[in-house]
Protein backbone atom coordinates (compact mmCIF):
# COMPACT_ATOMS: atom_id res chain seq x y z
CA UNK A 1 248.78 -102.15 -88.76
CA UNK A 2 249.37 -102.53 -92.50
CA UNK A 3 250.61 -105.86 -93.81
CA UNK A 4 252.68 -106.89 -96.82
CA UNK A 5 253.01 -110.21 -98.65
CA UNK A 6 256.65 -111.35 -98.52
CA UNK A 7 257.79 -114.79 -99.68
CA UNK A 8 254.24 -116.15 -99.67
CA UNK A 9 253.55 -115.07 -96.07
CA UNK A 10 251.87 -111.95 -94.75
CA UNK A 11 254.15 -109.82 -92.58
CA UNK A 12 252.93 -106.99 -90.36
CA UNK A 13 254.71 -103.66 -90.94
CA UNK A 14 255.76 -101.86 -87.78
CA UNK A 15 256.95 -98.52 -89.15
CA UNK A 16 256.98 -96.25 -92.18
CA UNK A 17 257.97 -97.78 -95.56
CA UNK A 18 261.33 -95.96 -95.49
CA UNK A 19 262.37 -98.23 -92.62
CA UNK A 20 261.80 -101.29 -94.80
CA UNK A 21 264.27 -100.45 -97.56
CA UNK A 22 262.36 -97.82 -99.54
CA UNK A 23 264.80 -94.93 -100.04
CA UNK A 24 263.85 -91.45 -98.92
CA UNK A 25 264.07 -89.42 -102.13
CA UNK A 26 263.43 -86.02 -100.55
CA UNK A 27 266.09 -85.59 -97.89
CA UNK A 28 266.63 -82.37 -95.93
CA UNK A 29 269.70 -81.51 -98.01
CA UNK A 30 267.92 -82.21 -101.28
CA UNK A 31 264.92 -80.07 -100.27
CA UNK A 32 267.19 -77.14 -99.43
CA UNK A 33 269.24 -77.34 -102.65
CA UNK A 34 266.58 -78.11 -105.28
CA UNK A 35 266.14 -75.26 -107.76
CA UNK A 36 264.68 -77.02 -110.82
CA UNK A 37 261.02 -76.01 -111.40
CA UNK A 38 258.47 -78.83 -111.22
CA UNK A 39 257.08 -81.40 -108.82
CA UNK A 40 259.62 -83.46 -106.89
CA UNK A 41 258.19 -86.60 -105.24
CA UNK A 42 259.44 -88.73 -102.35
CA UNK A 43 257.79 -91.80 -103.90
CA UNK A 44 255.36 -92.17 -101.00
CA UNK A 45 252.84 -89.44 -101.86
CA UNK A 46 254.67 -86.37 -100.55
CA UNK A 47 255.95 -83.86 -103.07
CA UNK A 48 257.54 -80.42 -103.28
CA UNK A 49 256.50 -78.11 -106.10
CA UNK A 50 258.99 -75.45 -107.23
CA UNK A 51 257.69 -72.71 -109.50
CA UNK A 52 259.66 -70.96 -112.27
CA UNK A 53 259.88 -67.92 -109.99
CA UNK A 54 261.45 -70.09 -107.26
CA UNK A 55 258.40 -70.43 -104.99
CA UNK A 56 258.15 -73.63 -102.97
CA UNK A 57 254.81 -75.25 -102.17
């Protein structure tokens, strides 16, 4: 399990970072309504790329 240093002590993480206060930036609603071309990141390494033609990858 991954660990994190909090308050001078190592704590073991028992779930994904979103469960520890990191906001999910790419929600289901946001993914469905995004139309702006470019790369849209969730902040944890996942991203959605929208092309100028509207393709989603």
